[in-house]
Amino acid sequence: MAKKFACSDVVSGCSWSTIAKDETDLFHKISEHAKHVHKMDTIPDDILDKVKSKIQEV
């Protein structure tokens, strides 16, 4: 089942969101967004936990 994530659920003011076919693809997209937009080479565990809690099925 497809998954979606809205960055604003974790980062106030960020309007980026994405949908992917599965969690693997979704996390790839999230990682690229975090790297290029939020200048995060790695996502800290506490933020990763928040991201995981906000992923929804579509």
N, C-alpha and C. Protein backbone atom coordinates (compact mmCIF):
# COMPACT_ATOMS: atom_id res chain seq x y z
N MET A 1 0.84 -1.19 0.00
CA MET A 1 0.00 0.00 0.00
C MET A 1 0.89 1.25 0.00
N ALA A 2 0.45 2.27 -0.70
CA ALA A 2 1.21 3.51 -0.81
C ALA A 2 1.27 4.22 0.54
N LYS A 3 2.33 5.02 0.70
CA LYS A 3 2.54 5.77 1.94
C LYS A 3 2.71 7.24 1.61
N LYS A 4 2.32 8.09 2.56
CA LYS A 4 2.53 9.53 2.36
C LYS A 4 3.09 10.15 3.62
N PHE A 5 3.78 11.28 3.41
CA PHE A 5 4.38 12.02 4.51
C PHE A 5 4.35 13.50 4.18
N ALA A 6 3.99 14.31 5.17
CA ALA A 6 4.01 15.77 5.04
C ALA A 6 5.05 16.30 6.02
N CYS A 7 6.04 16.99 5.51
CA CYS A 7 7.13 17.50 6.35
C CYS A 7 6.62 18.45 7.43
N SER A 8 5.55 19.17 7.13
CA SER A 8 5.00 20.11 8.11
C SER A 8 4.53 19.42 9.39
N ASP A 9 4.32 18.11 9.34
CA ASP A 9 3.96 17.36 10.55
C ASP A 9 5.12 17.29 11.53
N VAL A 10 6.35 17.54 11.02
CA VAL A 10 7.54 17.47 11.85
C VAL A 10 8.26 18.81 11.91
N VAL A 11 8.31 19.52 10.78
CA VAL A 11 9.01 20.80 10.67
C VAL A 11 7.99 21.89 10.38
N SER A 12 7.74 22.73 11.34
CA SER A 12 6.77 23.81 11.18
C SER A 12 7.16 24.72 10.02
N GLY A 13 6.20 24.99 9.15
CA GLY A 13 6.41 25.92 8.05
C GLY A 13 6.91 25.29 6.76
N CYS A 14 7.24 24.02 6.76
CA CYS A 14 7.70 23.35 5.54
C CYS A 14 6.49 22.76 4.83
N SER A 15 6.27 23.15 3.59
CA SER A 15 5.08 22.72 2.86
C SER A 15 5.29 21.47 2.01
N TRP A 16 6.48 20.88 2.06
CA TRP A 16 6.78 19.71 1.22
C TRP A 16 6.04 18.47 1.72
N SER A 17 5.56 17.70 0.77
CA SER A 17 4.96 16.41 1.08
C SER A 17 5.23 15.46 -0.07
N THR A 18 5.07 14.17 0.18
CA THR A 18 5.34 13.19 -0.86
C THR A 18 4.51 11.94 -0.63
N ILE A 19 4.34 11.20 -1.72
CA ILE A 19 3.68 9.90 -1.69
C ILE A 19 4.60 8.92 -2.41
N ALA A 20 4.69 7.71 -1.88
CA ALA A 20 5.54 6.69 -2.48
C ALA A 20 4.84 5.34 -2.43
N LYS A 21 5.33 4.41 -3.25
CA LYS A 21 4.70 3.09 -3.34
C LYS A 21 4.89 2.24 -2.09
N ASP A 22 5.98 2.53 -1.34
CA ASP A 22 6.24 1.78 -0.11
C ASP A 22 7.16 2.60 0.80
N GLU A 23 7.41 2.09 2.02
CA GLU A 23 8.22 2.85 2.98
C GLU A 23 9.66 3.04 2.52
N THR A 24 10.21 2.07 1.81
CA THR A 24 11.58 2.19 1.33
C THR A 24 11.71 3.38 0.40
N ASP A 25 10.82 3.48 -0.56
CA ASP A 25 10.83 4.60 -1.50
C ASP A 25 10.52 5.91 -0.77
N LEU A 26 9.60 5.85 0.17
CA LEU A 26 9.24 7.05 0.93
C LEU A 26 10.44 7.59 1.71
N PHE A 27 11.17 6.70 2.40
CA PHE A 27 12.32 7.15 3.17
C PHE A 27 13.44 7.67 2.29
N HIS A 28 13.56 7.14 1.09
CA HIS A 28 14.54 7.69 0.15
C HIS A 28 14.17 9.14 -0.19
N LYS A 29 12.91 9.38 -0.48
CA LYS A 29 12.45 10.74 -0.81
C LYS A 29 12.61 11.67 0.39
N ILE A 30 12.27 11.19 1.57
CA ILE A 30 12.39 12.00 2.79
C ILE A 30 13.85 12.35 3.04
N SER A 31 14.74 11.38 2.88
CA SER A 31 16.18 11.61 3.09
C SER A 31 16.72 12.66 2.12
N GLU A 32 16.32 12.56 0.86
CA GLU A 32 16.78 13.53 -0.13
C GLU A 32 16.26 14.93 0.21
N HIS A 33 15.00 15.03 0.61
CA HIS A 33 14.43 16.31 1.00
C HIS A 33 15.17 16.89 2.20
N ALA A 34 15.38 16.07 3.23
CA ALA A 34 16.08 16.52 4.44
C ALA A 34 17.49 17.01 4.10
N LYS A 35 18.15 16.31 3.21
CA LYS A 35 19.52 16.67 2.83
C LYS A 35 19.57 17.99 2.06
N HIS A 36 18.72 18.14 1.06
CA HIS A 36 18.80 19.30 0.18
C HIS A 36 18.10 20.54 0.72
N VAL A 37 17.00 20.36 1.42
CA VAL A 37 16.24 21.52 1.90
C VAL A 37 16.60 21.90 3.33
N HIS A 38 16.75 20.91 4.18
CA HIS A 38 17.01 21.18 5.60
C HIS A 38 18.48 21.00 5.98
N LYS A 39 19.34 20.72 4.99
CA LYS A 39 20.79 20.59 5.17
C LYS A 39 21.16 19.55 6.23
N MET A 40 20.44 18.43 6.22
CA MET A 40 20.69 17.35 7.16
C MET A 40 21.33 16.18 6.41
N ASP A 41 22.61 15.93 6.64
CA ASP A 41 23.27 14.80 5.99
C ASP A 41 22.76 13.47 6.54
N THR A 42 22.42 13.47 7.81
CA THR A 42 21.78 12.32 8.44
C THR A 42 20.60 12.83 9.25
N ILE A 43 19.61 11.98 9.41
CA ILE A 43 18.44 12.36 10.19
C ILE A 43 18.61 11.80 11.59
N PRO A 44 18.64 12.68 12.61
CA PRO A 44 18.80 12.21 13.99
C PRO A 44 17.66 11.28 14.40
N ASP A 45 17.96 10.37 15.31
CA ASP A 45 16.99 9.37 15.73
C ASP A 45 15.69 9.96 16.25
N ASP A 46 15.76 11.06 17.00
CA ASP A 46 14.54 11.64 17.56
C ASP A 46 13.63 12.18 16.45
N ILE A 47 14.23 12.76 15.41
CA ILE A 47 13.44 13.27 14.29
C ILE A 47 12.93 12.10 13.46
N LEU A 48 13.74 11.09 13.28
CA LEU A 48 13.32 9.91 12.54
C LEU A 48 12.11 9.25 13.20
N ASP A 49 12.11 9.20 14.52
CA ASP A 49 10.95 8.65 15.25
C ASP A 49 9.69 9.48 14.99
N LYS A 50 9.84 10.81 14.96
CA LYS A 50 8.70 11.68 14.67
C LYS A 50 8.20 11.45 13.25
N VAL A 51 9.14 11.35 12.30
CA VAL A 51 8.79 11.10 10.90
C VAL A 51 7.99 9.79 10.80
N LYS A 52 8.51 8.73 11.39
CA LYS A 52 7.85 7.43 11.34
C LYS A 52 6.44 7.49 11.90
N SER A 53 6.24 8.27 12.95
CA SER A 53 4.93 8.35 13.58
C SER A 53 3.92 9.12 12.73
N LYS A 54 4.38 9.88 11.76
CA LYS A 54 3.50 10.71 10.93
C LYS A 54 3.22 10.13 9.54
N ILE A 55 3.83 9.00 9.22
CA ILE A 55 3.60 8.37 7.92
C ILE A 55 2.19 7.80 7.90
N GLN A 56 1.50 8.04 6.79
CA GLN A 56 0.12 7.55 6.64
C GLN A 56 0.01 6.66 5.41
N GLU A 57 -0.93 5.74 5.45
CA GLU A 57 -1.24 4.91 4.29
C GLU A 57 -2.24 5.64 3.42
N VAL A 58 -2.09 5.48 2.10
CA VAL A 58 -3.04 6.09 1.17
C VAL A 58 -3.57 5.05 0.20
